[in-house]
């Protein structure tokens, strides 16, 4: 079967949500809540591992709020430069407290950051000083999982920082999987058009959808095994698992991040 070199260039959106844009918001919420844990442990001194270079507008000795933290870690360019300084997010209340993030705020904040266009590239070294470089995303995922797994049991760590981090991790890991499986669905549809020929010709194969972050928004989801009975009618010998493995190997960077996301989720105990 033909595999595509650029598997992750998806064009689908449902209710305006792209998993690719959205999980960047959840990642920033994971990192910020880890920063809150580290601050609680160290008092913001030089022992900090997470976001130690972030400077609060409130002055020395004060932790950064979410917007200050995001402004600090983001890699800004000509397309995003005009969005800073960050003082608020679209769709959030005018008096919202961006420092005291609660579990129920996580989904709304992730979507607000996506809508504001600030969920792109970040500097891994600014987030965690122990990673090997500014682009070491894989190393960052592993380090953050280890840090949160330990920090959640430390004295003085805010309970809502732990709850918010776990909430963000759960949705983030699912978004990574959904994006991977949705790409695989597009691959199957191109190779087995007859298997999906009985669907609505205007919309094609209707995807499953799932709520994201209790916000009422949805993203496309896909279970590869749901397609197998259809495909067996066209090609009885087809083994979907073998092709899925080949599909993942065609773009190992993203498939490995799906596995890393699961590892973070398991290490933290979500």
Protein backbone atom coordinates (compact mmCIF):
# COMPACT_ATOMS: atom_id res chain seq x y z
CA UNK A 1 0.00 0.00 0.00
CA UNK A 2 1.14 3.50 -0.78
CA UNK A 3 2.35 5.53 2.21
CA UNK A 4 2.54 9.28 2.09
CA UNK A 5 5.67 11.26 2.93
CA UNK A 6 3.80 14.06 4.63
CA UNK A 7 1.27 12.20 6.72
CA UNK A 8 0.70 14.97 9.21
CA UNK A 9 -0.52 17.70 6.87
CA UNK A 10 -4.18 17.28 7.81
CA UNK A 11 -6.81 19.67 6.58
CA UNK A 12 -9.74 18.47 8.70
CA UNK A 13 -11.44 20.53 11.36
CA UNK A 14 -14.69 19.92 13.20
CA UNK A 15 -16.31 22.76 15.15
CA UNK A 16 -13.23 24.76 14.29
CA UNK A 17 -10.88 22.50 16.25
CA UNK A 18 -7.62 21.09 14.94
CA UNK A 19 -5.85 18.64 17.23
CA UNK A 20 -2.53 20.00 15.98
CA UNK A 21 -3.22 23.55 17.10
CA UNK A 22 -5.07 22.51 20.22
CA UNK A 23 -2.59 20.17 21.84
CA UNK A 24 -0.06 23.02 21.87
CA UNK A 25 -2.40 24.78 24.28
CA UNK A 26 -2.64 21.75 26.53
CA UNK A 27 1.14 21.32 26.48
CA UNK A 28 1.60 24.89 27.74
CA UNK A 29 -0.86 24.20 30.56
CA UNK A 30 1.09 21.08 31.55
CA UNK A 31 4.32 23.07 31.62
CA UNK A 32 2.83 26.01 33.50
CA UNK A 33 1.32 23.84 36.20
CA UNK A 34 4.68 22.09 36.57
CA UNK A 35 6.20 25.56 36.97
CA UNK A 36 3.68 26.29 39.75
CA UNK A 37 4.71 23.04 41.48
CA UNK A 38 8.40 23.90 41.17
CA UNK A 39 7.83 27.39 42.52
CA UNK A 40 5.96 25.97 45.51
CA UNK A 41 8.86 23.59 46.20
CA UNK A 42 11.71 26.08 45.80
CA UNK A 43 10.22 29.50 46.46
CA UNK A 44 11.41 30.53 43.03
CA UNK A 45 15.11 30.37 43.80
CA UNK A 46 17.97 29.13 41.61
CA UNK A 47 17.07 25.50 42.34
CA UNK A 48 14.12 25.78 39.95
CA UNK A 49 14.15 23.33 37.05
CA UNK A 50 10.98 24.54 35.31
CA UNK A 51 10.80 28.03 33.80
CA UNK A 52 13.37 29.50 36.16
CA UNK A 53 14.10 32.43 33.85
CA UNK A 54 10.54 33.73 33.75
CA UNK A 55 10.25 37.20 35.33
CA UNK A 56 6.90 38.30 36.73
CA UNK A 57 5.62 41.78 36.03
CA UNK A 58 4.75 41.89 39.73
CA UNK A 59 8.45 42.05 40.48
CA UNK A 60 11.20 39.90 41.96
CA UNK A 61 10.12 37.12 44.26
CA UNK A 62 6.75 36.66 42.55
CA UNK A 63 5.76 33.75 40.28
CA UNK A 64 4.81 34.35 36.66
CA UNK A 65 1.21 33.94 35.65
CA UNK A 66 0.25 31.75 32.70
CA UNK A 67 0.46 34.54 30.12
CA UNK A 68 3.88 35.70 31.32
CA UNK A 69 5.08 32.09 31.25
CA UNK A 70 3.79 31.49 27.71
CA UNK A 71 5.33 34.76 26.52
CA UNK A 72 8.64 33.64 28.04
CA UNK A 73 8.76 30.13 26.52
CA UNK A 74 7.28 30.86 23.08
CA UNK A 75 9.48 31.29 20.02
CA UNK A 76 8.16 34.50 18.45
CA UNK A 77 8.34 35.35 14.76
CA UNK A 78 7.01 37.94 12.32
CA UNK A 79 3.58 36.29 12.31
CA UNK A 80 3.16 36.14 16.09
CA UNK A 81 5.23 39.08 17.35
CA UNK A 82 2.24 41.42 17.29
CA UNK A 83 0.38 39.25 19.80
CA UNK A 84 2.61 40.28 22.68
CA UNK A 85 2.71 41.47 25.36
CA UNK A 86 0.12 38.93 26.47
CA UNK A 87 -2.33 40.53 28.87
CA UNK A 88 -5.49 38.52 28.21
CA UNK A 89 -6.93 35.76 26.02
CA UNK A 90 -10.00 35.94 23.76
CA UNK A 91 -13.06 34.37 25.29
CA UNK A 92 -11.78 34.48 28.88
CA UNK A 93 -13.37 36.77 31.51
CA UNK A 94 -11.79 40.21 31.81
CA UNK A 95 -10.93 39.62 35.47
CA UNK A 96 -9.69 36.03 35.02
CA UNK A 97 -6.84 35.02 37.35
CA UNK A 98 -4.13 33.61 35.06
CA UNK A 99 -1.99 32.57 38.02
CA UNK A 100 -4.41 30.37 39.96
CA UNK A 101 -5.38 27.87 37.24
CA UNK A 102 -8.09 25.39 38.22
CA UNK A 103 -9.04 22.07 36.62
CA UNK A 104 -12.23 23.48 35.14
CA UNK A 105 -10.24 26.25 33.42
CA UNK A 106 -7.92 23.95 31.49
CA UNK A 107 -10.01 23.22 28.39
CA UNK A 108 -11.17 26.83 28.01
CA UNK A 109 -7.62 28.15 28.30
CA UNK A 110 -6.22 25.65 25.79
CA UNK A 111 -8.86 26.67 23.24
CA UNK A 112 -8.36 30.37 23.99
CA UNK A 113 -4.61 30.03 23.35
CA UNK A 114 -5.32 28.14 20.12
CA UNK A 115 -7.75 30.84 19.02
CA UNK A 116 -5.17 33.54 19.75
CA UNK A 117 -2.56 31.74 17.62
CA UNK A 118 0.07 31.25 20.33
CA UNK A 119 0.30 27.44 20.43
CA UNK A 120 3.20 27.00 18.00
CA UNK A 121 6.92 26.52 18.63
CA UNK A 122 8.42 26.91 22.11
CA UNK A 123 11.94 26.82 23.57
CA UNK A 124 12.41 23.52 25.43
CA UNK A 125 15.40 24.80 27.42
CA UNK A 126 13.38 27.68 28.82
CA UNK A 127 10.78 25.19 30.02
CA UNK A 128 13.15 22.66 31.55
CA UNK A 129 16.85 23.45 31.97
CA UNK A 130 17.77 19.75 32.02
CA UNK A 131 16.88 18.97 28.38
CA UNK A 132 19.63 18.67 25.78
CA UNK A 133 18.61 21.59 23.57
CA UNK A 134 16.01 24.15 22.56
CA UNK A 135 14.31 21.69 20.19
CA UNK A 136 14.50 18.57 22.39
CA UNK A 137 10.75 17.98 22.55
CA UNK A 138 11.08 14.23 23.15
CA UNK A 139 13.46 14.82 26.03
CA UNK A 140 11.15 17.51 27.40
CA UNK A 141 8.16 15.16 27.48
CA UNK A 142 10.14 12.58 29.44
CA UNK A 143 11.57 15.13 31.86
CA UNK A 144 8.19 16.72 32.52
CA UNK A 145 6.59 13.37 33.22
CA UNK A 146 9.33 12.53 35.72
CA UNK A 147 9.14 15.95 37.35
CA UNK A 148 5.36 16.01 37.81
CA UNK A 149 5.32 12.40 39.03
CA UNK A 150 7.63 13.38 41.88
CA UNK A 151 6.50 16.95 42.55
CA UNK A 152 2.84 16.04 43.03
CA UNK A 153 3.76 14.40 46.34
CA UNK A 154 5.88 17.28 47.68
CA UNK A 155 4.75 19.37 50.63
CA UNK A 156 3.15 22.69 49.82
CA UNK A 157 2.38 21.97 46.16
CA UNK A 158 -1.04 23.46 45.31
CA UNK A 159 -3.68 20.79 44.81
CA UNK A 160 -5.21 22.67 41.88
CA UNK A 161 -1.82 22.72 40.10
CA UNK A 162 -1.69 18.93 40.34
CA UNK A 163 -5.31 18.51 39.24
CA UNK A 164 -4.90 20.97 36.35
CA UNK A 165 -1.71 19.28 35.15
CA UNK A 166 -3.35 15.85 35.16
CA UNK A 167 -6.44 17.15 33.38
CA UNK A 168 -4.26 18.70 30.67
CA UNK A 169 -2.14 15.53 30.33
CA UNK A 170 -5.21 13.34 29.81
CA UNK A 171 -6.64 15.43 26.99
CA UNK A 172 -3.22 16.10 25.44
CA UNK A 173 -2.42 12.38 25.19
CA UNK A 174 -5.81 11.71 23.59
CA UNK A 175 -5.36 14.54 21.08
CA UNK A 176 -2.03 13.07 20.01
CA UNK A 177 -3.68 9.68 19.40
CA UNK A 178 -6.69 11.13 17.61
CA UNK A 179 -4.50 13.12 15.24
CA UNK A 180 -2.44 10.03 14.40
CA UNK A 181 -5.50 7.86 13.82
CA UNK A 182 -7.27 10.53 11.79
CA UNK A 183 -4.27 10.68 9.47
CA UNK A 184 -4.44 6.90 9.13
CA UNK A 185 -8.14 7.10 8.28
CA UNK A 186 -7.35 9.45 5.39
CA UNK A 187 -4.70 6.96 4.23
CA UNK A 188 -7.24 4.10 4.28
CA UNK A 189 -9.87 6.08 2.41
CA UNK A 190 -7.47 6.81 -0.43
CA UNK A 191 -6.41 3.17 -0.79
CA UNK A 192 -9.85 1.62 -0.21
CA UNK A 193 -12.41 4.04 -1.68
CA UNK A 194 -14.82 1.18 -2.35
CA UNK A 195 -14.88 0.32 1.35
CA UNK A 196 -16.35 3.73 2.09
CA UNK A 197 -18.52 4.09 -1.02
CA UNK A 198 -21.82 3.66 0.84
CA UNK A 199 -21.34 6.82 2.89
CA UNK A 200 -22.86 10.23 2.28
CA UNK A 201 -21.24 11.49 -0.95
CA UNK A 202 -21.33 15.09 0.30
CA UNK A 203 -19.40 14.49 3.49
CA UNK A 204 -17.54 11.24 2.81
CA UNK A 205 -16.88 8.83 5.65
CA UNK A 206 -18.49 10.46 8.65
CA UNK A 207 -15.99 10.63 11.49
CA UNK A 208 -16.61 9.97 15.13
CA UNK A 209 -16.35 13.07 17.28
CA UNK A 210 -15.52 13.58 20.92
CA UNK A 211 -15.83 16.50 23.31
CA UNK A 212 -12.55 18.12 24.27
CA UNK A 213 -11.87 19.46 27.74
CA UNK A 214 -15.54 19.73 28.74
CA UNK A 215 -15.88 22.87 26.61
CA UNK A 216 -18.49 21.67 24.14
CA UNK A 217 -16.00 21.67 21.26
CA UNK A 218 -15.19 18.47 19.43
CA UNK A 219 -12.40 16.94 17.42
CA UNK A 220 -12.40 14.17 14.87
CA UNK A 221 -11.59 10.74 16.29
CA UNK A 222 -11.03 7.43 14.59
CA UNK A 223 -10.60 3.86 15.74
CA UNK A 224 -8.65 2.04 13.03
CA UNK A 225 -10.29 -1.28 13.93
CA UNK A 226 -13.74 0.14 13.09
CA UNK A 227 -12.71 0.30 9.43
CA UNK A 228 -11.51 -3.30 9.18
CA UNK A 229 -14.91 -4.96 8.49
CA UNK A 230 -15.47 -2.55 5.59
CA UNK A 231 -12.01 -3.13 4.14
CA UNK A 232 -12.29 -6.93 4.46
CA UNK A 233 -15.13 -6.79 1.94
CA UNK A 234 -12.71 -5.33 -0.59
CA UNK A 235 -9.53 -7.12 0.43
CA UNK A 236 -10.19 -10.17 2.68
CA UNK A 237 -6.47 -10.70 3.32
CA UNK A 238 -5.74 -7.15 4.44
CA UNK A 239 -4.15 -6.81 7.91
CA UNK A 240 -4.75 -3.36 9.26
CA UNK A 241 -2.29 -3.70 12.13
CA UNK A 242 0.65 -4.37 9.83
CA UNK A 243 -0.14 -1.35 7.67
CA UNK A 244 -0.64 0.83 10.73
CA UNK A 245 2.84 -0.10 11.96
CA UNK A 246 4.26 0.81 8.54
CA UNK A 247 2.31 4.06 8.62
CA UNK A 248 3.83 5.01 11.97
CA UNK A 249 7.34 4.15 10.79
CA UNK A 250 6.90 6.49 7.83
CA UNK A 251 6.86 9.41 10.28
CA UNK A 252 8.57 8.13 13.44
CA UNK A 253 8.89 11.53 15.07
CA UNK A 254 5.16 11.98 15.53
CA UNK A 255 4.37 8.35 16.31
CA UNK A 256 7.04 8.32 19.00
CA UNK A 257 5.44 11.41 20.55
CA UNK A 258 2.16 9.52 20.80
CA UNK A 259 3.97 6.83 22.79
CA UNK A 260 5.77 9.44 24.90
CA UNK A 261 2.46 11.10 25.71
CA UNK A 262 1.15 7.77 27.01
CA UNK A 263 4.31 7.31 29.07
CA UNK A 264 3.84 10.74 30.66
CA UNK A 265 0.23 9.91 31.40
CA UNK A 266 1.16 6.62 33.06
CA UNK A 267 4.09 8.01 35.04
CA UNK A 268 1.98 10.79 36.53
CA UNK A 269 -0.86 8.40 37.35
CA UNK A 270 -3.61 9.99 35.26
